[in-house]
PDB file of N, CA and C in Angstrom:
ATOM      1  N   MET A   1       0.852  -1.189   0.000  1.00  0.00           N
ATOM      2  CA  MET A   1       0.000   0.000   0.000  1.00  0.00           C
ATOM      3  C   MET A   1       0.889   1.240   0.000  1.00  0.00           C
ATOM      4  N   SER A   2       0.680   2.105  -0.945  1.00  0.00           N
ATOM      5  CA  SER A   2       1.500   3.315  -1.004  1.00  0.00           C
ATOM      6  C   SER A   2       0.772   4.465  -0.325  1.00  0.00           C
ATOM      7  N   VAL A   3       1.567   5.342   0.282  1.00  0.00           N
ATOM      8  CA  VAL A   3       1.009   6.517   0.937  1.00  0.00           C
ATOM      9  C   VAL A   3       0.842   7.598  -0.123  1.00  0.00           C
ATOM     10  N   ALA A   4      -0.340   8.185  -0.159  1.00  0.00           N
ATOM     11  CA  ALA A   4      -0.591   9.247  -1.131  1.00  0.00           C
ATOM     12  C   ALA A   4       0.385  10.390  -0.892  1.00  0.00           C
ATOM     13  N   GLU A   5       0.855  10.972  -1.976  1.00  0.00           N
ATOM     14  CA  GLU A   5       1.817  12.071  -1.856  1.00  0.00           C
ATOM     15  C   GLU A   5       1.154  13.311  -1.285  1.00  0.00           C
ATOM     16  N   PHE A   6       1.909  14.041  -0.493  1.00  0.00           N
ATOM     17  CA  PHE A   6       1.441  15.281   0.117  1.00  0.00           C
ATOM     18  C   PHE A   6       1.337  16.347  -0.960  1.00  0.00           C
ATOM     19  N   GLN A   7       0.194  17.003  -1.024  1.00  0.00           N
ATOM     20  CA  GLN A   7      -0.061  18.017  -2.049  1.00  0.00           C
ATOM     21  C   GLN A   7      -0.238  19.391  -1.412  1.00  0.00           C
ATOM     22  N   ILE A   8       0.335  20.412  -2.065  1.00  0.00           N
ATOM     23  CA  ILE A   8       0.167  21.796  -1.640  1.00  0.00           C
ATOM     24  C   ILE A   8      -0.282  22.603  -2.844  1.00  0.00           C
ATOM     25  N   LYS A   9      -1.399  23.323  -2.683  1.00  0.00           N
ATOM     26  CA  LYS A   9      -1.877  24.209  -3.744  1.00  0.00           C
ATOM     27  C   LYS A   9      -2.068  25.589  -3.139  1.00  0.00           C
ATOM     28  N   VAL A  10      -1.641  26.609  -3.855  1.00  0.00           N
ATOM     29  CA  VAL A  10      -1.797  27.986  -3.385  1.00  0.00           C
ATOM     30  C   VAL A  10      -2.741  28.719  -4.329  1.00  0.00           C
ATOM     31  N   ARG A  11      -3.699  29.409  -3.738  1.00  0.00           N
ATOM     32  CA  ARG A  11      -4.616  30.239  -4.531  1.00  0.00           C
ATOM     33  C   ARG A  11      -4.812  31.556  -3.805  1.00  0.00           C
ATOM     34  N   GLU A  12      -5.503  32.485  -4.452  1.00  0.00           N
ATOM     35  CA  GLU A  12      -5.680  33.816  -3.875  1.00  0.00           C
ATOM     36  C   GLU A  12      -7.149  34.162  -3.730  1.00  0.00           C
ATOM     37  N   SER A  13      -7.443  34.913  -2.682  1.00  0.00           N
ATOM     38  CA  SER A  13      -8.756  35.513  -2.510  1.00  0.00           C
ATOM     39  C   SER A  13      -8.481  36.942  -2.060  1.00  0.00           C
ATOM     40  N   GLY A  14      -8.537  37.885  -3.000  1.00  0.00           N
ATOM     41  CA  GLY A  14      -8.141  39.259  -2.704  1.00  0.00           C
ATOM     42  C   GLY A  14      -6.662  39.292  -2.347  1.00  0.00           C
ATOM     43  N   ASP A  15      -6.334  39.854  -1.169  1.00  0.00           N
ATOM     44  CA  ASP A  15      -4.926  39.928  -0.767  1.00  0.00           C
ATOM     45  C   ASP A  15      -4.531  38.781   0.168  1.00  0.00           C
ATOM     46  N   VAL A  16      -5.385  37.760   0.259  1.00  0.00           N
ATOM     47  CA  VAL A  16      -5.098  36.600   1.102  1.00  0.00           C
ATOM     48  C   VAL A  16      -4.608  35.442   0.232  1.00  0.00           C
ATOM     49  N   ARG A  17      -3.503  34.830   0.648  1.00  0.00           N
ATOM     50  CA  ARG A  17      -3.000  33.628  -0.017  1.00  0.00           C
ATOM     51  C   ARG A  17      -3.554  32.439   0.752  1.00  0.00           C
ATOM     52  N   ILE A  18      -4.264  31.566   0.049  1.00  0.00           N
ATOM     53  CA  ILE A  18      -4.843  30.375   0.675  1.00  0.00           C
ATOM     54  C   ILE A  18      -4.001  29.172   0.271  1.00  0.00           C
ATOM     55  N   VAL A  19      -3.503  28.464   1.272  1.00  0.00           N
ATOM     56  CA  VAL A  19      -2.643  27.304   1.051  1.00  0.00           C
ATOM     57  C   VAL A  19      -3.458  26.058   1.401  1.00  0.00           C
ATOM     58  N   ASP A  20      -3.874  25.314   0.366  1.00  0.00           N
ATOM     59  CA  ASP A  20      -4.648  24.089   0.560  1.00  0.00           C
ATOM     60  C   ASP A  20      -3.693  22.908   0.689  1.00  0.00           C
ATOM     61  N   LEU A  21      -3.837  22.150   1.772  1.00  0.00           N
ATOM     62  CA  LEU A  21      -2.991  20.990   2.002  1.00  0.00           C
ATOM     63  C   LEU A  21      -3.812  19.720   1.863  1.00  0.00           C
ATOM     64  N   ASP A  22      -3.188  18.682   1.301  1.00  0.00           N
ATOM     65  CA  ASP A  22      -3.861  17.398   1.129  1.00  0.00           C
ATOM     66  C   ASP A  22      -2.853  16.291   1.405  1.00  0.00           C
ATOM     67  N   GLY A  23      -3.081  15.551   2.475  1.00  0.00           N
ATOM     68  CA  GLY A  23      -2.179  14.457   2.840  1.00  0.00           C
ATOM     69  C   GLY A  23      -1.638  14.660   4.250  1.00  0.00           C
ATOM     70  N   ARG A  24      -0.831  13.712   4.687  1.00  0.00           N
ATOM     71  CA  ARG A  24      -0.293  13.745   6.047  1.00  0.00           C
ATOM     72  C   ARG A  24       0.791  14.818   6.194  1.00  0.00           C
ATOM     73  N   LEU A  25       0.608  15.701   7.178  1.00  0.00           N
ATOM     74  CA  LEU A  25       1.579  16.767   7.446  1.00  0.00           C
ATOM     75  C   LEU A  25       2.453  16.291   8.604  1.00  0.00           C
ATOM     76  N   THR A  26       3.500  15.532   8.226  1.00  0.00           N
ATOM     77  CA  THR A  26       4.361  14.916   9.223  1.00  0.00           C
ATOM     78  C   THR A  26       5.824  15.196   8.907  1.00  0.00           C
ATOM     79  N   ILE A  27       6.701  14.747   9.807  1.00  0.00           N
ATOM     80  CA  ILE A  27       8.134  15.014   9.680  1.00  0.00           C
ATOM     81  C   ILE A  27       8.657  14.536   8.326  1.00  0.00           C
ATOM     82  N   GLY A  28       9.589  15.288   7.783  1.00  0.00           N
ATOM     83  CA  GLY A  28      10.180  14.921   6.497  1.00  0.00           C
ATOM     84  C   GLY A  28       9.716  15.828   5.385  1.00  0.00           C
ATOM     85  N   ASP A  29       9.470  15.223   4.252  1.00  0.00           N
ATOM     86  CA  ASP A  29       9.168  15.961   3.031  1.00  0.00           C
ATOM     87  C   ASP A  29       7.981  16.914   3.175  1.00  0.00           C
ATOM     88  N   ALA A  30       6.894  16.461   3.774  1.00  0.00           N
ATOM     89  CA  ALA A  30       5.684  17.294   3.855  1.00  0.00           C
ATOM     90  C   ALA A  30       5.953  18.585   4.637  1.00  0.00           C
ATOM     91  N   SER A  31       6.542  18.460   5.822  1.00  0.00           N
ATOM     92  CA  SER A  31       6.824  19.654   6.631  1.00  0.00           C
ATOM     93  C   SER A  31       7.825  20.569   5.949  1.00  0.00           C
ATOM     94  N   GLU A  32       8.846  19.986   5.326  1.00  0.00           N
ATOM     95  CA  GLU A  32       9.862  20.790   4.634  1.00  0.00           C
ATOM     96  C   GLU A  32       9.257  21.543   3.458  1.00  0.00           C
ATOM     97  N   ARG A  33       8.420  20.879   2.685  1.00  0.00           N
ATOM     98  CA  ARG A  33       7.798  21.541   1.532  1.00  0.00           C
ATOM     99  C   ARG A  33       6.859  22.653   1.967  1.00  0.00           C
ATOM    100  N   LEU A  34       6.080  22.409   3.047  1.00  0.00           N
ATOM    101  CA  LEU A  34       5.194  23.458   3.533  1.00  0.00           C
ATOM    102  C   LEU A  34       6.000  24.669   3.988  1.00  0.00           C
ATOM    103  N   ASN A  35       7.109  24.427   4.681  1.00  0.00           N
ATOM    104  CA  ASN A  35       7.959  25.530   5.129  1.00  0.00           C
ATOM    105  C   ASN A  35       8.477  26.338   3.941  1.00  0.00           C
ATOM    106  N   GLU A  36       8.906  25.645   2.879  1.00  0.00           N
ATOM    107  CA  GLU A  36       9.405  26.328   1.678  1.00  0.00           C
ATOM    108  C   GLU A  36       8.314  27.188   1.040  1.00  0.00           C
ATOM    109  N   VAL A  37       7.107  26.648   0.946  1.00  0.00           N
ATOM    110  CA  VAL A  37       5.999  27.381   0.329  1.00  0.00           C
ATOM    111  C   VAL A  37       5.641  28.613   1.161  1.00  0.00           C
ATOM    112  N   LEU A  38       5.503  28.436   2.488  1.00  0.00           N
ATOM    113  CA  LEU A  38       5.134  29.562   3.349  1.00  0.00           C
ATOM    114  C   LEU A  38       6.218  30.631   3.376  1.00  0.00           C
ATOM    115  N   SER A  39       7.473  30.217   3.466  1.00  0.00           N
ATOM    116  CA  SER A  39       8.588  31.172   3.452  1.00  0.00           C
ATOM    117  C   SER A  39       8.616  31.934   2.134  1.00  0.00           C
ATOM    118  N   GLY A  40       8.407  31.215   1.041  1.00  0.00           N
ATOM    119  CA  GLY A  40       8.404  31.835  -0.281  1.00  0.00           C
ATOM    120  C   GLY A  40       7.300  32.862  -0.435  1.00  0.00           C
ATOM    121  N   LEU A  41       6.108  32.543   0.082  1.00  0.00           N
ATOM    122  CA  LEU A  41       4.999  33.503   0.011  1.00  0.00           C
ATOM    123  C   LEU A  41       5.334  34.770   0.784  1.00  0.00           C
ATOM    124  N   ALA A  42       5.887  34.615   1.975  1.00  0.00           N
ATOM    125  CA  ALA A  42       6.250  35.771   2.804  1.00  0.00           C
ATOM    126  C   ALA A  42       7.329  36.602   2.123  1.00  0.00           C
ATOM    127  N   GLU A  43       8.316  35.924   1.518  1.00  0.00           N
ATOM    128  CA  GLU A  43       9.400  36.642   0.827  1.00  0.00           C
ATOM    129  C   GLU A  43       8.875  37.435  -0.357  1.00  0.00           C
ATOM    130  N   LYS A  44       7.795  36.948  -0.975  1.00  0.00           N
ATOM    131  CA  LYS A  44       7.199  37.655  -2.119  1.00  0.00           C
ATOM    132  C   LYS A  44       6.213  38.724  -1.675  1.00  0.00           C
ATOM    133  N   GLY A  45       6.109  38.951  -0.357  1.00  0.00           N
ATOM    134  CA  GLY A  45       5.285  40.046   0.133  1.00  0.00           C
ATOM    135  C   GLY A  45       3.916  39.678   0.658  1.00  0.00           C
ATOM    136  N   ALA A  46       3.560  38.384   0.677  1.00  0.00           N
ATOM    137  CA  ALA A  46       2.256  37.991   1.225  1.00  0.00           C
ATOM    138  C   ALA A  46       2.236  38.299   2.717  1.00  0.00           C
ATOM    139  N   ARG A  47       1.201  38.970   3.178  1.00  0.00           N
ATOM    140  CA  ARG A  47       1.084  39.311   4.605  1.00  0.00           C
ATOM    141  C   ARG A  47      -0.131  38.658   5.255  1.00  0.00           C
ATOM    142  N   LYS A  48      -1.024  38.107   4.435  1.00  0.00           N
ATOM    143  CA  LYS A  48      -2.191  37.388   4.957  1.00  0.00           C
ATOM    144  C   LYS A  48      -2.190  35.992   4.350  1.00  0.00           C
ATOM    145  N   ILE A  49      -1.933  35.010   5.205  1.00  0.00           N
ATOM    146  CA  ILE A  49      -1.863  33.629   4.732  1.00  0.00           C
ATOM    147  C   ILE A  49      -2.859  32.781   5.513  1.00  0.00           C
ATOM    148  N   LEU A  50      -3.615  31.983   4.777  1.00  0.00           N
ATOM    149  CA  LEU A  50      -4.619  31.098   5.347  1.00  0.00           C
ATOM    150  C   LEU A  50      -4.254  29.669   4.968  1.00  0.00           C
ATOM    151  N   ILE A  51      -4.040  28.818   5.971  1.00  0.00           N
ATOM    152  CA  ILE A  51      -3.699  27.422   5.710  1.00  0.00           C
ATOM    153  C   ILE A  51      -4.942  26.570   5.916  1.00  0.00           C
ATOM    154  N   ASN A  52      -5.345  25.851   4.859  1.00  0.00           N
ATOM    155  CA  ASN A  52      -6.511  24.974   4.910  1.00  0.00           C
ATOM    156  C   ASN A  52      -6.044  23.562   5.263  1.00  0.00           C
ATOM    157  N   LEU A  53      -6.343  23.141   6.497  1.00  0.00           N
ATOM    158  CA  LEU A  53      -5.932  21.816   6.983  1.00  0.00           C
ATOM    159  C   LEU A  53      -7.022  20.757   6.830  1.00  0.00           C
ATOM    160  N   ASN A  54      -8.133  21.085   6.165  1.00  0.00           N
ATOM    161  CA  ASN A  54      -9.233  20.130   6.077  1.00  0.00           C
ATOM    162  C   ASN A  54      -8.900  18.883   5.260  1.00  0.00           C
ATOM    163  N   GLY A  55      -7.866  18.943   4.416  1.00  0.00           N
ATOM    164  CA  GLY A  55      -7.457  17.763   3.659  1.00  0.00           C
ATOM    165  C   GLY A  55      -6.344  16.979   4.338  1.00  0.00           C
ATOM    166  N   VAL A  56      -6.017  17.352   5.576  1.00  0.00           N
ATOM    167  CA  VAL A  56      -4.917  16.718   6.312  1.00  0.00           C
ATOM    168  C   VAL A  56      -5.492  15.722   7.328  1.00  0.00           C
ATOM    169  N   PRO A  57      -5.256  14.407   7.120  1.00  0.00           N
ATOM    170  CA  PRO A  57      -5.784  13.418   8.065  1.00  0.00           C
ATOM    171  C   PRO A  57      -4.923  13.253   9.316  1.00  0.00           C
ATOM    172  N   GLN A  58      -3.650  13.680   9.244  1.00  0.00           N
ATOM    173  CA  GLN A  58      -2.729  13.496  10.368  1.00  0.00           C
ATOM    174  C   GLN A  58      -1.695  14.615  10.375  1.00  0.00           C
ATOM    175  N   ILE A  59      -1.391  15.131  11.581  1.00  0.00           N
ATOM    176  CA  ILE A  59      -0.344  16.134  11.748  1.00  0.00           C
ATOM    177  C   ILE A  59       0.497  15.720  12.943  1.00  0.00           C
ATOM    178  N   ASP A  60       1.805  15.942  12.866  1.00  0.00           N
ATOM    179  CA  ASP A  60       2.677  15.633  14.005  1.00  0.00           C
ATOM    180  C   ASP A  60       3.368  16.905  14.485  1.00  0.00           C
ATOM    181  N   SER A  61       4.263  16.753  15.447  1.00  0.00           N
ATOM    182  CA  SER A  61       4.928  17.920  16.036  1.00  0.00           C
ATOM    183  C   SER A  61       5.737  18.691  15.007  1.00  0.00           C
ATOM    184  N   SER A  62       6.261  18.012  14.010  1.00  0.00           N
ATOM    185  CA  SER A  62       7.031  18.685  12.961  1.00  0.00           C
ATOM    186  C   SER A  62       6.119  19.589  12.126  1.00  0.00           C
ATOM    187  N   GLY A  63       4.946  19.095  11.770  1.00  0.00           N
ATOM    188  CA  GLY A  63       3.984  19.898  11.016  1.00  0.00           C
ATOM    189  C   GLY A  63       3.505  21.081  11.822  1.00  0.00           C
ATOM    190  N   ILE A  64       3.231  20.845  13.110  1.00  0.00           N
ATOM    191  CA  ILE A  64       2.777  21.921  13.983  1.00  0.00           C
ATOM    192  C   ILE A  64       3.861  22.980  14.135  1.00  0.00           C
ATOM    193  N   SER A  65       5.119  22.551  14.336  1.00  0.00           N
ATOM    194  CA  SER A  65       6.198  23.538  14.523  1.00  0.00           C
ATOM    195  C   SER A  65       6.447  24.341  13.250  1.00  0.00           C
ATOM    196  N   THR A  66       6.242  23.739  12.082  1.00  0.00           N
ATOM    197  CA  THR A  66       6.370  24.472  10.819  1.00  0.00           C
ATOM    198  C   THR A  66       5.343  25.598  10.759  1.00  0.00           C
ATOM    199  N   ILE A  67       4.112  25.304  11.154  1.00  0.00           N
ATOM    200  CA  ILE A  67       3.057  26.319  11.157  1.00  0.00           C
ATOM    201  C   ILE A  67       3.386  27.421  12.164  1.00  0.00           C
ATOM    202  N   VAL A  68       3.788  27.029  13.373  1.00  0.00           N
ATOM    203  CA  VAL A  68       4.100  28.011  14.425  1.00  0.00           C
ATOM    204  C   VAL A  68       5.244  28.920  14.001  1.00  0.00           C
ATOM    205  N   ARG A  69       6.315  28.334  13.497  1.00  0.00           N
ATOM    206  CA  ARG A  69       7.500  29.101  13.081  1.00  0.00           C
ATOM    207  C   ARG A  69       7.127  30.149  12.029  1.00  0.00           C
ATOM    208  N   ASN A  70       6.348  29.737  11.039  1.00  0.00           N
ATOM    209  CA  ASN A  70       5.963  30.667   9.976  1.00  0.00           C
ATOM    210  C   ASN A  70       4.968  31.712  10.465  1.00  0.00           C
ATOM    211  N   SER A  71       4.114  31.352  11.405  1.00  0.00           N
ATOM    212  CA  SER A  71       3.187  32.321  11.981  1.00  0.00           C
ATOM    213  C   SER A  71       3.941  33.411  12.734  1.00  0.00           C
ATOM    214  N   ILE A  72       4.957  33.010  13.513  1.00  0.00           N
ATOM    215  CA  ILE A  72       5.761  33.975  14.270  1.00  0.00           C
ATOM    216  C   ILE A  72       6.507  34.908  13.323  1.00  0.00           C
ATOM    217  N   THR A  73       7.143  34.342  12.304  1.00  0.00           N
ATOM    218  CA  THR A  73       7.899  35.143  11.335  1.00  0.00           C
ATOM    219  C   THR A  73       6.972  36.132  10.622  1.00  0.00           C
ATOM    220  N   LEU A  74       5.829  35.651  10.188  1.00  0.00           N
ATOM    221  CA  LEU A  74       4.869  36.510   9.483  1.00  0.00           C
ATOM    222  C   LEU A  74       4.372  37.623  10.402  1.00  0.00           C
ATOM    223  N   GLY A  75       4.096  37.277  11.663  1.00  0.00           N
ATOM    224  CA  GLY A  75       3.638  38.274  12.635  1.00  0.00           C
ATOM    225  C   GLY A  75       4.665  39.366  12.876  1.00  0.00           C
ATOM    226  N   ARG A  76       5.951  38.982  12.936  1.00  0.00           N
ATOM    227  CA  ARG A  76       7.026  39.961  13.126  1.00  0.00           C
ATOM    228  C   ARG A  76       7.107  40.935  11.962  1.00  0.00           C
ATOM    229  N   ASP A  77       6.714  40.459  10.772  1.00  0.00           N
ATOM    230  CA  ASP A  77       6.772  41.295   9.576  1.00  0.00           C
ATOM    231  C   ASP A  77       5.457  42.044   9.335  1.00  0.00           C
ATOM    232  N   GLY A  78       4.570  42.049  10.339  1.00  0.00           N
ATOM    233  CA  GLY A  78       3.314  42.766  10.208  1.00  0.00           C
ATOM    234  C   GLY A  78       2.211  41.985   9.539  1.00  0.00           C
ATOM    235  N   GLY A  79       2.429  40.697   9.354  1.00  0.00           N
ATOM    236  CA  GLY A  79       1.427  39.868   8.696  1.00  0.00           C
ATOM    237  C   GLY A  79       0.634  39.034   9.673  1.00  0.00           C
ATOM    238  N   SER A  80      -0.178  38.142   9.123  1.00  0.00           N
ATOM    239  CA  SER A  80      -1.054  37.320   9.943  1.00  0.00           C
ATOM    240  C   SER A  80      -1.300  35.983   9.272  1.00  0.00           C
ATOM    241  N   LEU A  81      -1.312  34.933  10.096  1.00  0.00           N
ATOM    242  CA  LEU A  81      -1.583  33.591   9.601  1.00  0.00           C
ATOM    243  C   LEU A  81      -2.831  33.075  10.310  1.00  0.00           C
ATOM    244  N   ARG A  82      -3.707  32.429   9.550  1.00  0.00           N
ATOM    245  CA  ARG A  82      -4.933  31.843  10.090  1.00  0.00           C
ATOM    246  C   ARG A  82      -5.016  30.394   9.601  1.00  0.00           C
ATOM    247  N   LEU A  83      -5.825  29.595  10.297  1.00  0.00           N
ATOM    248  CA  LEU A  83      -6.002  28.193   9.927  1.00  0.00           C
ATOM    249  C   LEU A  83      -7.478  27.881   9.702  1.00  0.00           C
ATOM    250  N   ILE A  84      -7.724  26.969   8.753  1.00  0.00           N
ATOM    251  CA  ILE A  84      -9.049  26.370   8.598  1.00  0.00           C
ATOM    252  C   ILE A  84      -8.873  24.914   9.008  1.00  0.00           C
ATOM    253  N   CYS A  85      -9.689  24.467   9.954  1.00  0.00           N
ATOM    254  CA  CYS A  85      -9.573  23.083  10.402  1.00  0.00           C
ATOM    255  C   CYS A  85     -10.885  22.654  11.033  1.00  0.00           C
ATOM    256  N   LYS A  86     -11.559  21.724  10.374  1.00  0.00           N
ATOM    257  CA  LYS A  86     -12.821  21.224  10.919  1.00  0.00           C
ATOM    258  C   LYS A  86     -12.550  20.269  12.086  1.00  0.00           C
ATOM    259  N   ALA A  87     -13.599  19.917  12.806  1.00  0.00           N
ATOM    260  CA  ALA A  87     -13.473  18.999  13.937  1.00  0.00           C
ATOM    261  C   ALA A  87     -12.903  17.654  13.465  1.00  0.00           C
ATOM    262  N   GLY A  88     -12.088  17.050  14.319  1.00  0.00           N
ATOM    263  CA  GLY A  88     -11.498  15.758  13.988  1.00  0.00           C
ATOM    264  C   GLY A  88     -10.128  15.611  14.627  1.00  0.00           C
ATOM    265  N   ARG A  89      -9.366  14.631  14.141  1.00  0.00           N
ATOM    266  CA  ARG A  89      -8.063  14.322  14.742  1.00  0.00           C
ATOM    267  C   ARG A  89      -7.089  15.489  14.694  1.00  0.00           C
ATOM    268  N   VAL A  90      -7.027  16.185  13.558  1.00  0.00           N
ATOM    269  CA  VAL A  90      -6.073  17.286  13.424  1.00  0.00           C
ATOM    270  C   VAL A  90      -6.492  18.440  14.332  1.00  0.00           C
ATOM    271  N   ARG A  91      -7.766  18.761  14.372  1.00  0.00           N
ATOM    272  CA  ARG A  91      -8.254  19.840  15.256  1.00  0.00           C
ATOM    273  C   ARG A  91      -7.962  19.478  16.717  1.00  0.00           C
ATOM    274  N   ASP A  92      -8.136  18.199  17.055  1.00  0.00           N
ATOM    275  CA  ASP A  92      -7.835  17.744  18.416  1.00  0.00           C
ATOM    276  C   ASP A  92      -6.359  17.968  18.742  1.00  0.00           C
ATOM    277  N   ALA A  93      -5.473  17.651  17.790  1.00  0.00           N
ATOM    278  CA  ALA A  93      -4.032  17.842  17.996  1.00  0.00           C
ATOM    279  C   ALA A  93      -3.713  19.326  18.183  1.00  0.00           C
ATOM    280  N   LEU A  94      -4.365  20.181  17.411  1.00  0.00           N
ATOM    281  CA  LEU A  94      -4.144  21.620  17.533  1.00  0.00           C
ATOM    282  C   LEU A  94      -4.663  22.138  18.881  1.00  0.00           C
ATOM    283  N   SER A  95      -5.741  21.541  19.363  1.00  0.00           N
ATOM    284  CA  SER A  95      -6.302  21.951  20.650  1.00  0.00           C
ATOM    285  C   SER A  95      -5.412  21.508  21.813  1.00  0.00           C
ATOM    286  N   VAL A  96      -4.947  20.264  21.766  1.00  0.00           N
ATOM    287  CA  VAL A  96      -4.097  19.719  22.832  1.00  0.00           C
ATOM    288  C   VAL A  96      -2.812  20.536  22.960  1.00  0.00           C
ATOM    289  N   THR A  97      -2.256  20.957  21.834  1.00  0.00           N
ATOM    290  CA  THR A  97      -1.011  21.738  21.851  1.00  0.00           C
ATOM    291  C   THR A  97      -1.278  23.232  22.065  1.00  0.00           C
ATOM    292  N   ARG A  98      -2.551  23.583  22.232  1.00  0.00           N
ATOM    293  CA  ARG A  98      -2.997  24.967  22.462  1.00  0.00           C
ATOM    294  C   ARG A  98      -2.714  25.880  21.269  1.00  0.00           C
ATOM    295  N   LEU A  99      -2.503  25.294  20.109  1.00  0.00           N
ATOM    296  CA  LEU A  99      -2.243  26.087  18.911  1.00  0.00           C
ATOM    297  C   LEU A  99      -3.476  26.905  18.519  1.00  0.00           C
ATOM    298  N   VAL A 100      -4.670  26.355  18.770  1.00  0.00           N
ATOM    299  CA  VAL A 100      -5.888  27.092  18.417  1.00  0.00           C
ATOM    300  C   VAL A 100      -6.020  28.372  19.237  1.00  0.00           C
ATOM    301  N   GLU A 101      -5.324  28.444  20.374  1.00  0.00           N
ATOM    302  CA  GLU A 101      -5.341  29.671  21.172  1.00  0.00           C
ATOM    303  C   GLU A 101      -4.325  30.686  20.640  1.00  0.00           C
ATOM    304  N   ALA A 102      -3.257  30.189  20.019  1.00  0.00           N
ATOM    305  CA  ALA A 102      -2.187  31.061  19.531  1.00  0.00           C
ATOM    306  C   ALA A 102      -2.434  31.552  18.104  1.00  0.00           C
ATOM    307  N   ILE A 103      -3.019  30.717  17.284  1.00  0.00           N
ATOM    308  CA  ILE A 103      -3.277  31.059  15.879  1.00  0.00           C
ATOM    309  C   ILE A 103      -4.777  30.948  15.640  1.00  0.00           C
ATOM    310  N   PRO A 104      -5.413  32.031  15.185  1.00  0.00           N
ATOM    311  CA  PRO A 104      -6.863  31.968  14.948  1.00  0.00           C
ATOM    312  C   PRO A 104      -7.213  30.811  14.010  1.00  0.00           C
ATOM    313  N   THR A 105      -8.134  29.964  14.462  1.00  0.00           N
ATOM    314  CA  THR A 105      -8.511  28.767  13.729  1.00  0.00           C
ATOM    315  C   THR A 105     -10.019  28.773  13.506  1.00  0.00           C
ATOM    316  N   PHE A 106     -10.423  28.527  12.267  1.00  0.00           N
ATOM    317  CA  PHE A 106     -11.821  28.622  11.873  1.00  0.00           C
ATOM    318  C   PHE A 106     -12.300  27.304  11.271  1.00  0.00           C
ATOM    319  N   ASP A 107     -13.631  27.087  11.311  1.00  0.00           N
ATOM    320  CA  ASP A 107     -14.212  25.875  10.741  1.00  0.00           C
ATOM    321  C   ASP A 107     -14.375  25.970   9.227  1.00  0.00           C
ATOM    322  N   SER A 108     -14.517  27.196   8.715  1.00  0.00           N
ATOM    323  CA  SER A 108     -14.797  27.354   7.284  1.00  0.00           C
ATOM    324  C   SER A 108     -13.908  28.443   6.675  1.00  0.00           C
ATOM    325  N   GLU A 109     -13.750  28.357   5.367  1.00  0.00           N
ATOM    326  CA  GLU A 109     -12.948  29.362   4.645  1.00  0.00           C
ATOM    327  C   GLU A 109     -13.580  30.739   4.726  1.00  0.00           C
ATOM    328  N   SER A 110     -14.904  30.800   4.619  1.00  0.00           N
ATOM    329  CA  SER A 110     -15.562  32.110   4.649  1.00  0.00           C
ATOM    330  C   SER A 110     -15.363  32.796   6.003  1.00  0.00           C
ATOM    331  N   ALA A 111     -15.444  32.031   7.096  1.00  0.00           N
ATOM    332  CA  ALA A 111     -15.240  32.613   8.430  1.00  0.00           C
ATOM    333  C   ALA A 111     -13.789  33.060   8.592  1.00  0.00           C
ATOM    334  N   ALA A 112     -12.857  32.283   8.075  1.00  0.00           N
ATOM    335  CA  ALA A 112     -11.429  32.634   8.186  1.00  0.00           C
ATOM    336  C   ALA A 112     -11.129  33.890   7.382  1.00  0.00           C
ATOM    337  N   LEU A 113     -11.668  33.997   6.177  1.00  0.00           N
ATOM    338  CA  LEU A 113     -11.441  35.184   5.359  1.00  0.00           C
ATOM    339  C   LEU A 113     -12.045  36.415   6.029  1.00  0.00           C
ATOM    340  N   ALA A 114     -13.209  36.283   6.645  1.00  0.00           N
ATOM    341  CA  ALA A 114     -13.836  37.397   7.351  1.00  0.00           C
ATOM    342  C   ALA A 114     -12.970  37.822   8.536  1.00  0.00           C
ATOM    343  N   GLY A 115     -12.223  36.874   9.122  1.00  0.00           N
ATOM    344  CA  GLY A 115     -11.356  37.173  10.254  1.00  0.00           C
ATOM    345  C   GLY A 115     -10.188  38.098   9.897  1.00  0.00           C
ATOM    346  N   PHE A 116      -9.852  38.156   8.619  1.00  0.00           N
ATOM    347  CA  PHE A 116      -8.762  39.038   8.173  1.00  0.00           C
ATOM    348  C   PHE A 116      -9.212  40.486   8.029  1.00  0.00           C
ATOM    349  N   ALA A 117     -10.532  40.692   7.902  1.00  0.00           N
ATOM    350  CA  ALA A 117     -11.057  42.037   7.625  1.00  0.00           C
ATOM    351  C   ALA A 117     -10.777  43.016   8.749  1.00  0.00           C
TER     352      ALA A 117
END
């Protein structure tokens, strides 16, 4: 049985960059690629980034630290990072690590986009 490859797609809604993730966000390639994408967006001037975790069935400490690191960097540069994450295993992991208290986390894309206003 092969593990489906981790997918990252970036799209725009006004001045917000939406990063759609699909697959396990765990140590190794997935976390490294997400870090490269988020760093690249910030370097190109993106200040509002929304990460959609609804396609992520599993996240580990490496995936969480990648999100935290980029959120801190973006915040220092005057930007903001938000998360979309419906109820389930990943939301539970974000709650246990108190990430939902540190980074605004929404159930839907429309609510997250409204949070940037």
